[in-house]
Amino acid sequence: MPSLRINGHDLYYEIHGPKSGAASSLSSGEPEQAICMGGWGTYCHGGERHLARGLTDRYQVLIIDYRGIGASTDDLTQPPGMGLHAADVISLLDHLRWSRVHFVGLVGMGACIAQLVALERPDLVRSMVNMGAWASVDPFLYGQLEMFRDLHRDSGFLAFQKHVCLMSFLPDYYNANRERLLGPKGPWSELNGRYPAHERLVAACLNHDVADRLRHISAPSLIIHSGEDQVTGPRTTLPLEHGIPRAEGVLLPDVAHVVAGREQKAAFAKLLLSFLDRH
């Protein structure tokens, strides 16, 4: 898969789903396009298996490595910020000549990037989904993000990973999958050995603030509230629903920070595809 030299660094990306010229299951025309972005990780390099079920059957789905992780490099002369990542996405979409794209931002900064693109380049955003998100960081979330960063710095990746897993999954799921979750191949493994990249990602999250601009987002928006999320639950997602004009809000009462388990993934995919199909 290709890398593109933009904005002073190499950005790695992949596209999955129907090829151009091949009709999707939705119509006889060209397949629609979506970009899916998560938190401090990537859906690339085999991670596309974690995308919502059925998404790549219906849509061309763009996924990327954020600056400094996976196969993407970074320009360390640039101060970290969410605006850098939004600029990368905008430049990539312009390079691909994609417009009116469904933006799916999940579990952290992917949602923040989507918000910025919706504000700065509304022509690119057909619809927007935010889950595990925030418009601005309150003191509690600020402290959590700092704690995750400091734990990685002071105690190492595996201690950081264990702590984040304990806060991101339901107890029953963690108990049943502990051996698979913890270790060099477990969640957030893209950050293993890359603390400086993690530090810059955290800085981007800490400084993200569009609370006073939400009213200018015009894209049809779905805000998903995770009732058991200990990091970015309804406390941080409800302001998005209330601040974005005509945003739809859906509560998933039994979902933690990460959607996990067969039943939860099926319900999430159904919700997501239903929204995208309507727009």
Protein backbone atom coordinates (compact mmCIF):
# COMPACT_ATOMS: atom_id res chain seq x y z
CA MET A 1 0.00 0.00 0.00
CA PRO A 2 1.21 3.54 -0.71
CA SER A 3 2.76 6.34 1.28
CA LEU A 4 2.29 9.97 0.29
CA ARG A 5 4.78 12.74 1.00
CA ILE A 6 2.67 15.58 2.37
CA ASN A 7 3.00 18.32 4.97
CA GLY A 8 6.66 17.52 5.62
CA HIS A 9 6.31 13.80 6.33
CA ASP A 10 5.38 10.43 4.84
CA LEU A 11 1.75 9.41 5.41
CA TYR A 12 0.91 5.72 4.99
CA TYR A 13 -2.61 4.75 3.97
CA GLU A 14 -4.69 1.83 2.76
CA ILE A 15 -8.00 1.60 0.91
CA HIS A 16 -10.25 -1.42 1.43
CA GLY A 17 -13.56 -2.34 -0.13
CA PRO A 18 -15.04 -2.28 -3.64
CA LYS A 19 -12.76 -0.99 -6.37
CA SER A 20 -13.64 2.04 -8.44
CA GLY A 21 -15.79 0.94 -11.32
CA ALA A 22 -17.36 -1.81 -9.21
CA ALA A 23 -20.80 -1.14 -7.82
CA SER A 24 -21.39 -1.43 -4.11
CA SER A 25 -24.33 -3.33 -2.70
CA LEU A 26 -26.15 -0.03 -2.21
CA SER A 27 -26.58 0.94 -5.85
CA SER A 28 -25.49 0.30 -9.38
CA GLY A 29 -23.13 3.29 -9.36
CA GLU A 30 -19.68 3.90 -7.93
CA PRO A 31 -19.12 2.79 -4.33
CA GLU A 32 -19.37 5.53 -1.73
CA GLN A 33 -16.32 6.38 0.33
CA ALA A 34 -15.58 6.49 4.04
CA ILE A 35 -12.59 7.15 6.25
CA CYS A 36 -12.33 5.37 9.59
CA MET A 37 -10.00 6.68 12.30
CA GLY A 38 -9.52 5.45 15.85
CA GLY A 39 -7.45 6.54 18.82
CA TRP A 40 -3.74 6.03 19.44
CA GLY A 41 -3.44 3.25 16.91
CA THR A 42 -4.19 2.21 13.35
CA TYR A 43 -6.53 0.03 11.37
CA CYS A 44 -3.74 -0.58 8.82
CA HIS A 45 -1.36 -3.56 8.49
CA GLY A 46 -4.07 -6.17 9.04
CA GLY A 47 -6.05 -4.08 11.51
CA GLU A 48 -8.84 -3.63 8.96
CA ARG A 49 -10.33 -6.80 10.46
CA HIS A 50 -11.40 -4.61 13.39
CA LEU A 51 -13.51 -2.32 11.20
CA ALA A 52 -17.27 -2.53 11.62
CA ARG A 53 -18.65 -5.67 10.04
CA GLY A 54 -19.94 -5.06 6.55
CA LEU A 55 -18.35 -1.63 6.17
CA THR A 56 -15.86 -2.67 3.48
CA ASP A 57 -18.56 -4.67 1.67
CA ARG A 58 -20.50 -1.49 0.99
CA TYR A 59 -17.93 1.31 1.02
CA GLN A 60 -14.42 2.10 -0.10
CA VAL A 61 -12.79 2.63 3.30
CA LEU A 62 -9.67 4.74 3.77
CA ILE A 63 -7.48 4.07 6.82
CA ILE A 64 -4.21 5.74 7.80
CA ASP A 65 -1.23 5.55 10.12
CA TYR A 66 -1.07 8.70 12.21
CA ARG A 67 2.17 10.64 12.29
CA GLY A 68 4.94 8.71 14.01
CA ILE A 69 3.26 5.29 14.18
CA GLY A 70 3.08 2.36 11.78
CA ALA A 71 4.74 3.32 8.51
CA SER A 72 4.12 7.08 8.79
CA THR A 73 6.92 9.43 9.73
CA ASP A 74 6.60 12.75 11.54
CA ASP A 75 8.06 16.22 11.21
CA LEU A 76 9.33 16.94 14.70
CA THR A 77 9.95 20.59 13.85
CA GLN A 78 6.18 21.09 13.89
CA PRO A 79 4.51 21.55 17.30
CA PRO A 80 2.06 18.69 17.95
CA GLY A 81 -1.60 19.46 17.46
CA MET A 82 -4.82 17.98 16.16
CA GLY A 83 -4.66 20.47 13.31
CA LEU A 84 -1.63 18.66 11.88
CA HIS A 85 -3.60 15.42 11.63
CA ALA A 86 -6.63 17.18 10.13
CA ALA A 87 -4.36 18.82 7.55
CA ASP A 88 -2.93 15.40 6.69
CA VAL A 89 -6.39 13.96 6.10
CA ILE A 90 -7.45 16.96 4.02
CA SER A 91 -4.32 16.75 1.86
CA LEU A 92 -4.73 13.01 1.39
CA LEU A 93 -8.40 13.31 0.36
CA ASP A 94 -7.52 16.08 -2.08
CA HIS A 95 -4.73 13.90 -3.51
CA LEU A 96 -7.16 11.00 -3.94
CA ARG A 97 -9.80 13.38 -5.35
CA TRP A 98 -12.30 12.15 -2.82
CA SER A 99 -15.11 14.44 -1.64
CA ARG A 100 -18.33 13.95 0.30
CA VAL A 101 -16.77 11.22 2.40
CA HIS A 102 -18.35 9.55 5.43
CA PHE A 103 -16.12 10.31 8.44
CA VAL A 104 -16.15 7.63 11.16
CA GLY A 105 -14.18 8.71 14.23
CA LEU A 106 -13.99 6.24 17.08
CA VAL A 107 -12.32 5.90 20.48
CA GLY A 108 -10.53 9.20 20.73
CA MET A 109 -8.65 11.44 18.36
CA GLY A 110 -10.16 10.13 15.13
CA ALA A 111 -13.39 11.83 16.15
CA CYS A 112 -11.53 15.07 16.91
CA ILE A 113 -9.92 15.02 13.46
CA ALA A 114 -13.34 14.51 11.89
CA GLN A 115 -14.69 17.55 13.75
CA LEU A 116 -11.88 19.76 12.45
CA VAL A 117 -12.28 18.59 8.85
CA ALA A 118 -16.05 19.14 9.08
CA LEU A 119 -15.35 22.70 10.21
CA GLU A 120 -12.53 23.56 7.84
CA ARG A 121 -13.53 21.63 4.71
CA PRO A 122 -17.25 20.86 4.87
CA ASP A 123 -17.15 19.94 1.18
CA LEU A 124 -15.22 16.80 2.12
CA VAL A 125 -17.64 15.53 4.78
CA ARG A 126 -20.81 13.74 3.70
CA SER A 127 -21.60 12.63 7.26
CA MET A 128 -19.79 12.32 10.57
CA VAL A 129 -19.87 9.71 13.31
CA ASN A 130 -18.25 10.45 16.70
CA MET A 131 -17.82 7.88 19.46
CA GLY A 132 -15.49 8.04 22.46
CA ALA A 133 -15.02 11.72 21.69
CA TRP A 134 -14.90 15.20 23.13
CA ALA A 135 -15.21 18.80 21.97
CA SER A 136 -12.79 20.01 24.63
CA VAL A 137 -10.88 18.33 27.43
CA ASP A 138 -12.27 18.86 30.93
CA PRO A 139 -9.92 18.59 33.96
CA PHE A 140 -10.83 14.94 34.58
CA LEU A 141 -10.07 13.80 31.02
CA TYR A 142 -6.98 16.02 30.98
CA GLY A 143 -5.69 14.21 34.05
CA GLN A 144 -6.47 10.79 32.57
CA LEU A 145 -4.63 11.53 29.33
CA GLU A 146 -1.64 12.89 31.24
CA MET A 147 -1.67 9.77 33.44
CA PHE A 148 -1.62 7.45 30.42
CA ARG A 149 1.31 9.39 28.96
CA ASP A 150 3.25 9.51 32.23
CA LEU A 151 2.69 5.81 32.90
CA HIS A 152 4.14 4.91 29.50
CA ARG A 153 7.10 7.23 30.07
CA ASP A 154 7.88 6.21 33.65
CA SER A 155 6.85 2.53 33.81
CA GLY A 156 7.04 1.37 30.22
CA PHE A 157 4.66 0.29 27.50
CA LEU A 158 3.35 -2.90 29.12
CA ALA A 159 2.32 -1.08 32.30
CA PHE A 160 0.59 1.57 30.20
CA GLN A 161 -1.16 -1.09 28.10
CA LYS A 162 -2.44 -2.97 31.14
CA HIS A 163 -3.84 0.16 32.73
CA VAL A 164 -5.57 1.30 29.55
CA CYS A 165 -7.05 -2.15 28.95
CA LEU A 166 -8.44 -2.19 32.49
CA MET A 167 -10.16 1.12 31.80
CA SER A 168 -11.28 0.35 28.24
CA PHE A 169 -12.94 -3.08 28.44
CA LEU A 170 -15.76 -4.47 30.54
CA PRO A 171 -14.62 -6.74 33.40
CA ASP A 172 -16.15 -9.90 31.93
CA TYR A 173 -14.50 -9.30 28.57
CA TYR A 174 -11.13 -8.53 30.18
CA ASN A 175 -11.30 -11.64 32.37
CA ALA A 176 -12.06 -13.87 29.39
CA ASN A 177 -9.47 -12.31 27.07
CA ARG A 178 -6.67 -11.14 29.35
CA GLU A 179 -3.95 -13.27 27.76
CA ARG A 180 -4.84 -11.95 24.31
CA LEU A 181 -5.16 -8.33 25.39
CA LEU A 182 -1.88 -7.96 27.25
CA GLY A 183 1.51 -8.19 25.58
CA PRO A 184 3.45 -6.89 22.56
CA LYS A 185 0.71 -7.90 20.11
CA GLY A 186 -2.20 -6.58 22.14
CA PRO A 187 -4.10 -3.29 21.87
CA TRP A 188 -2.12 -0.08 21.37
CA SER A 189 0.91 -2.13 20.27
CA GLU A 190 1.64 0.57 17.67
CA LEU A 191 2.97 2.68 20.55
CA ASN A 192 5.37 0.01 21.83
CA GLY A 193 8.88 1.45 21.58
CA ARG A 194 7.54 4.75 20.29
CA TYR A 195 7.02 6.86 23.38
CA PRO A 196 7.95 10.16 21.64
CA ALA A 197 5.17 9.55 19.09
CA HIS A 198 2.74 8.77 21.91
CA GLU A 199 3.73 11.96 23.72
CA ARG A 200 2.92 14.01 20.61
CA LEU A 201 -0.42 12.24 20.11
CA VAL A 202 -1.37 12.98 23.72
CA ALA A 203 -0.39 16.63 23.29
CA ALA A 204 -2.70 16.87 20.27
CA CYS A 205 -5.56 15.42 22.31
CA LEU A 206 -4.98 17.68 25.31
CA ASN A 207 -5.09 20.84 23.21
CA HIS A 208 -8.12 19.97 21.08
CA ASP A 209 -10.93 22.47 21.67
CA VAL A 210 -13.78 23.17 19.24
CA ALA A 211 -16.52 23.63 21.83
CA ASP A 212 -17.37 27.14 20.66
CA ARG A 213 -17.38 26.08 16.98
CA LEU A 214 -19.64 23.03 17.06
CA ARG A 215 -22.62 25.10 15.90
CA HIS A 216 -20.85 25.58 12.56
CA ILE A 217 -20.72 21.86 11.72
CA SER A 218 -23.24 21.27 8.95
CA ALA A 219 -22.64 17.58 8.20
CA PRO A 220 -25.31 15.11 9.34
CA SER A 221 -23.80 13.77 12.57
CA LEU A 222 -24.29 10.72 14.75
CA ILE A 223 -22.94 10.90 18.30
CA ILE A 224 -22.69 7.52 20.03
CA HIS A 225 -22.64 7.55 23.83
CA SER A 226 -21.02 4.57 25.58
CA GLY A 227 -22.66 4.12 28.95
CA GLU A 228 -19.81 2.14 30.56
CA ASP A 229 -16.95 4.20 29.11
CA GLN A 230 -14.64 5.29 31.94
CA VAL A 231 -12.67 7.67 29.74
CA THR A 232 -14.93 9.31 27.16
CA GLY A 233 -18.44 8.44 28.26
CA PRO A 234 -21.60 10.56 28.01
CA ARG A 235 -19.97 13.28 30.13
CA THR A 236 -17.75 14.16 27.14
CA THR A 237 -19.98 13.04 24.26
CA LEU A 238 -23.28 14.70 25.23
CA PRO A 239 -21.86 18.21 24.62
CA LEU A 240 -21.22 17.11 21.01
CA GLU A 241 -24.82 16.00 20.53
CA HIS A 242 -26.10 19.22 22.10
CA GLY A 243 -23.67 21.49 20.26
CA ILE A 244 -23.86 20.18 16.67
CA PRO A 245 -27.01 21.29 14.86
CA ARG A 246 -29.48 18.44 14.29
CA ALA A 247 -27.03 15.82 15.57
CA GLU A 248 -28.49 12.42 16.36
CA GLY A 249 -27.53 10.81 19.66
CA VAL A 250 -27.69 7.12 20.55
CA LEU A 251 -26.84 5.61 23.94
CA LEU A 252 -25.25 2.15 24.05
CA PRO A 253 -25.69 1.57 27.80
CA ASP A 254 -23.52 -1.55 28.16
CA VAL A 255 -20.57 -0.51 25.96
CA ALA A 256 -17.21 0.53 27.44
CA HIS A 257 -14.49 2.63 25.79
CA VAL A 258 -13.87 -0.12 23.22
CA VAL A 259 -16.67 -2.04 21.50
CA ALA A 260 -15.77 -5.67 22.22
CA GLY A 261 -17.41 -9.06 21.87
CA ARG A 262 -19.50 -10.54 19.09
CA GLU A 263 -22.88 -9.15 20.21
CA GLN A 264 -21.62 -5.62 20.82
CA LYS A 265 -19.77 -5.51 17.49
CA ALA A 266 -22.85 -6.72 15.62
CA ALA A 267 -25.07 -4.10 17.28
CA PHE A 268 -22.54 -1.35 16.61
CA ALA A 269 -22.17 -2.33 12.95
CA LYS A 270 -25.94 -2.32 12.49
CA LEU A 271 -26.20 1.15 14.03
CA LEU A 272 -23.31 2.53 11.98
CA LEU A 273 -24.41 1.12 8.62
CA SER A 274 -27.99 2.24 9.18
CA PHE A 275 -26.81 5.82 9.70
CA LEU A 276 -24.43 5.80 6.74
CA ASP A 277 -27.04 4.26 4.45
CA ARG A 278 -29.44 7.10 5.29
CA HIS A 279 -26.89 9.71 4.24
